[in-house]
Amino acid sequence: MPRTKQRTPDLRDRLLQVAVETLSNEGVAGFTTRKVAQHAATSTPAVYELFGDKAGLVREIFFEGFRMLGRRLDGVEPTDDPRADIVRLVEAYRRFIVENPVLADVMFTRPFADFDPGPDELAAGRDVRELIVEHVRRCIDARLFTGDATDIAHVIVSLTQGLAGAETAQRLGTSNASVNRRWRLGIESLLDGLGARHASS
């Protein structure tokens, strides 16, 4: 099959998709623009022309990760039980990280020395944060939680990322039952605590 020569938006989209797949399969250490070009049946110069350099490609993977996470969380439809919706949102977040551990590393840590997120990159998760804040605000409006919605959302996200990282590293248990039990303990304890704060205020 001849290599694709045209530097088109379609090629850019395909390269980005292949780059995400290559990162997942090869890991950070094995990720190169040459491998991405090979897997996409194009040339390394085409990758550089479309993304600038390896750091530019990683930057777009970073943005794509947040788009993927946003779509996953958008699939959690609100119900008349806002607390249960938070639990479902956390589960969706958990599944995204566990299913995409290397991509999550790019999004939430700094595994590539030549990619240092700036203000635009740090703002990439704004839609995700606002979605979670909105779900938390529904709990506050329903008098299930008390406190600042943004503060609570940050804590929920941090706990979710921490537990998901521990699960990915197999530090959360040796069976599905133990892993799920510890997830429930962490999330339910947090949500119960937020409710207890309201009851005592």
Protein backbone atom coordinates (compact mmCIF):
# COMPACT_ATOMS: atom_id res chain seq x y z
CA MET A 1 0.00 0.00 0.00
CA PRO A 2 1.57 3.35 -1.01
CA ARG A 3 2.20 5.89 1.73
CA THR A 4 -0.27 8.75 1.98
CA LYS A 5 1.40 11.95 0.77
CA GLN A 6 -1.32 14.57 1.16
CA ARG A 7 -1.17 16.71 4.32
CA THR A 8 -4.94 16.86 4.73
CA PRO A 9 -7.24 17.32 7.75
CA ASP A 10 -8.27 13.68 7.28
CA LEU A 11 -4.64 12.61 7.54
CA ARG A 12 -4.21 14.76 10.64
CA ASP A 13 -7.25 13.15 12.27
CA ARG A 14 -6.02 9.68 11.36
CA LEU A 15 -2.54 10.40 12.67
CA LEU A 16 -3.99 11.60 15.96
CA GLN A 17 -6.10 8.45 16.31
CA VAL A 18 -3.10 6.27 15.46
CA ALA A 19 -0.93 8.24 17.88
CA VAL A 20 -3.35 7.57 20.74
CA GLU A 21 -3.37 3.86 19.84
CA THR A 22 0.42 3.76 19.54
CA LEU A 23 0.84 5.41 22.92
CA SER A 24 -1.50 2.85 24.46
CA ASN A 25 0.30 -0.09 22.84
CA GLU A 26 3.91 1.05 23.07
CA GLY A 27 3.86 3.08 26.28
CA VAL A 28 5.69 6.34 26.85
CA ALA A 29 9.16 4.81 26.41
CA GLY A 30 8.29 3.23 23.07
CA PHE A 31 6.34 6.15 21.61
CA THR A 32 8.05 7.79 18.61
CA THR A 33 6.84 9.86 15.69
CA ARG A 34 8.43 7.30 13.36
CA LYS A 35 6.24 4.52 14.79
CA VAL A 36 3.14 6.70 14.51
CA ALA A 37 3.97 7.45 10.86
CA GLN A 38 4.56 3.77 10.13
CA HIS A 39 1.30 2.68 11.73
CA ALA A 40 -0.57 5.38 9.82
CA ALA A 41 1.13 4.43 6.51
CA THR A 42 2.58 7.90 6.02
CA SER A 43 5.95 9.58 6.46
CA THR A 44 7.66 11.07 9.50
CA PRO A 45 7.98 14.44 7.69
CA ALA A 46 4.18 14.41 7.30
CA VAL A 47 3.82 14.06 11.07
CA TYR A 48 6.22 16.95 11.63
CA GLU A 49 4.47 19.11 9.04
CA LEU A 50 1.08 18.56 10.66
CA PHE A 51 2.11 18.67 14.35
CA GLY A 52 5.43 20.55 14.37
CA ASP A 53 7.43 18.02 16.37
CA LYS A 54 6.98 15.17 18.84
CA ALA A 55 5.98 17.60 21.59
CA GLY A 56 3.30 19.04 19.28
CA LEU A 57 1.95 15.56 18.66
CA VAL A 58 1.89 14.77 22.38
CA ARG A 59 0.12 18.09 22.96
CA GLU A 60 -2.68 17.05 20.60
CA ILE A 61 -2.90 13.64 22.30
CA PHE A 62 -3.28 15.53 25.58
CA PHE A 63 -6.23 17.51 24.18
CA GLU A 64 -7.75 14.40 22.59
CA GLY A 65 -7.62 12.64 25.95
CA PHE A 66 -9.75 15.32 27.54
CA ARG A 67 -12.17 15.22 24.61
CA MET A 68 -12.49 11.44 25.08
CA LEU A 69 -12.99 11.82 28.83
CA GLY A 70 -15.58 14.54 28.27
CA ARG A 71 -17.56 12.29 25.93
CA ARG A 72 -17.43 9.47 28.49
CA LEU A 73 -18.73 11.68 31.28
CA ASP A 74 -21.35 13.28 29.05
CA GLY A 75 -22.85 9.80 28.76
CA VAL A 76 -23.88 9.95 32.42
CA GLU A 77 -27.42 11.27 32.11
CA PRO A 78 -28.74 13.17 35.14
CA THR A 79 -31.53 11.48 37.09
CA ASP A 80 -33.67 12.56 40.05
CA ASP A 81 -30.99 11.19 42.40
CA PRO A 82 -28.03 13.61 42.22
CA ARG A 83 -25.91 11.67 44.71
CA ALA A 84 -26.28 8.46 42.70
CA ASP A 85 -25.35 10.47 39.61
CA ILE A 86 -22.08 11.49 41.32
CA VAL A 87 -21.32 7.81 41.98
CA ARG A 88 -22.03 6.95 38.35
CA LEU A 89 -19.88 9.86 37.19
CA VAL A 90 -17.00 8.65 39.36
CA GLU A 91 -17.40 5.15 37.92
CA ALA A 92 -17.24 6.50 34.37
CA TYR A 93 -14.11 8.50 35.27
CA ARG A 94 -12.61 5.40 36.88
CA ARG A 95 -13.27 3.24 33.83
CA PHE A 96 -11.70 5.82 31.52
CA ILE A 97 -8.45 5.90 33.52
CA VAL A 98 -8.27 2.14 34.02
CA GLU A 99 -8.93 1.49 30.33
CA ASN A 100 -6.51 4.23 29.17
CA PRO A 101 -3.71 4.27 31.76
CA VAL A 102 -0.94 5.64 29.52
CA LEU A 103 -3.20 8.31 28.06
CA ALA A 104 -4.26 9.24 31.59
CA ASP A 105 -0.59 9.60 32.52
CA VAL A 106 -0.14 12.11 29.69
CA MET A 107 -3.23 14.00 30.84
CA PHE A 108 -2.53 14.09 34.57
CA THR A 109 1.24 13.72 35.00
CA ARG A 110 4.34 14.78 33.02
CA PRO A 111 5.78 11.59 31.46
CA PHE A 112 7.28 13.35 28.41
CA ALA A 113 10.23 15.59 29.23
CA ASP A 114 9.74 17.63 26.04
CA PHE A 115 6.07 18.38 26.72
CA ASP A 116 5.39 20.91 29.44
CA PRO A 117 1.70 21.93 29.51
CA GLY A 118 1.12 25.68 29.44
CA PRO A 119 -2.02 27.70 30.23
CA ASP A 120 -3.93 26.47 27.16
CA GLU A 121 -3.20 22.85 28.01
CA LEU A 122 -4.05 23.30 31.68
CA ALA A 123 -7.41 24.75 30.61
CA ALA A 124 -8.17 21.68 28.50
CA GLY A 125 -9.99 19.97 31.34
CA ARG A 126 -12.27 22.95 31.99
CA ASP A 127 -15.36 21.32 30.43
CA VAL A 128 -14.79 18.17 32.46
CA ARG A 129 -14.38 20.17 35.67
CA GLU A 130 -17.48 22.25 34.96
CA LEU A 131 -19.52 19.11 34.34
CA ILE A 132 -18.48 17.65 37.69
CA VAL A 133 -19.05 20.96 39.47
CA GLU A 134 -22.57 21.08 38.02
CA HIS A 135 -23.33 17.58 39.36
CA VAL A 136 -21.99 18.60 42.78
CA ARG A 137 -24.07 21.76 42.72
CA ARG A 138 -27.20 19.66 42.20
CA CYS A 139 -26.33 17.78 45.41
CA ILE A 140 -25.85 21.07 47.25
CA ASP A 141 -29.17 22.39 45.95
CA ALA A 142 -30.83 19.16 47.10
CA ARG A 143 -29.30 19.72 50.58
CA LEU A 144 -27.30 16.50 50.31
CA PHE A 145 -23.91 18.27 50.55
CA THR A 146 -22.70 21.48 52.08
CA GLY A 147 -19.69 23.48 50.98
CA ASP A 148 -18.27 25.06 47.87
CA ALA A 149 -19.12 23.13 44.70
CA THR A 150 -15.71 23.73 43.12
CA ASP A 151 -13.84 22.63 46.24
CA ILE A 152 -15.92 19.47 46.50
CA ALA A 153 -15.46 18.68 42.80
CA HIS A 154 -11.67 19.00 43.15
CA VAL A 155 -11.69 16.55 46.05
CA ILE A 156 -13.89 14.07 44.18
CA VAL A 157 -11.65 14.23 41.10
CA SER A 158 -8.47 13.87 43.16
CA LEU A 159 -9.83 10.86 45.03
CA THR A 160 -11.02 9.28 41.78
CA GLN A 161 -7.67 9.77 40.06
CA GLY A 162 -5.79 8.47 43.09
CA LEU A 163 -7.89 5.34 43.46
CA ALA A 164 -7.83 4.69 39.71
CA GLY A 165 -4.05 5.07 39.69
CA ALA A 166 -3.78 2.60 42.56
CA GLU A 167 -6.09 0.19 40.74
CA THR A 168 -4.06 0.46 37.53
CA ALA A 169 -0.86 -0.21 39.47
CA GLN A 170 -2.57 -3.21 41.15
CA ARG A 171 -2.15 -1.70 44.59
CA LEU A 172 -5.85 -1.70 45.44
CA GLY A 173 -6.34 -5.43 45.82
CA THR A 174 -5.87 -8.83 44.23
CA SER A 175 -9.48 -9.50 43.26
CA ASN A 176 -12.28 -7.57 41.61
CA ALA A 177 -14.28 -7.91 44.82
CA SER A 178 -11.59 -6.32 46.99
CA VAL A 179 -10.90 -3.54 44.47
CA ASN A 180 -14.59 -2.68 44.15
CA ARG A 181 -15.07 -2.85 47.92
CA ARG A 182 -12.28 -0.32 48.47
CA TRP A 183 -13.66 1.95 45.78
CA ARG A 184 -17.05 1.90 47.50
CA LEU A 185 -15.41 2.57 50.86
CA GLY A 186 -13.52 5.58 49.52
CA ILE A 187 -16.32 7.19 47.54
CA GLU A 188 -19.16 6.44 49.96
CA SER A 189 -17.09 7.68 52.93
CA LEU A 190 -16.42 10.95 51.12
CA LEU A 191 -20.05 11.46 50.11
CA ASP A 192 -21.32 10.44 53.55
CA GLY A 193 -18.92 12.96 55.08
CA LEU A 194 -20.24 15.73 52.87
CA GLY A 195 -23.78 14.80 53.92
CA ALA A 196 -22.82 14.66 57.59
CA ARG A 197 -21.37 18.17 57.34
CA HIS A 198 -24.77 19.35 56.12
CA ALA A 199 -26.67 17.55 58.86
CA SER A 200 -24.51 19.10 61.57
CA SER A 201 -24.60 22.64 60.21
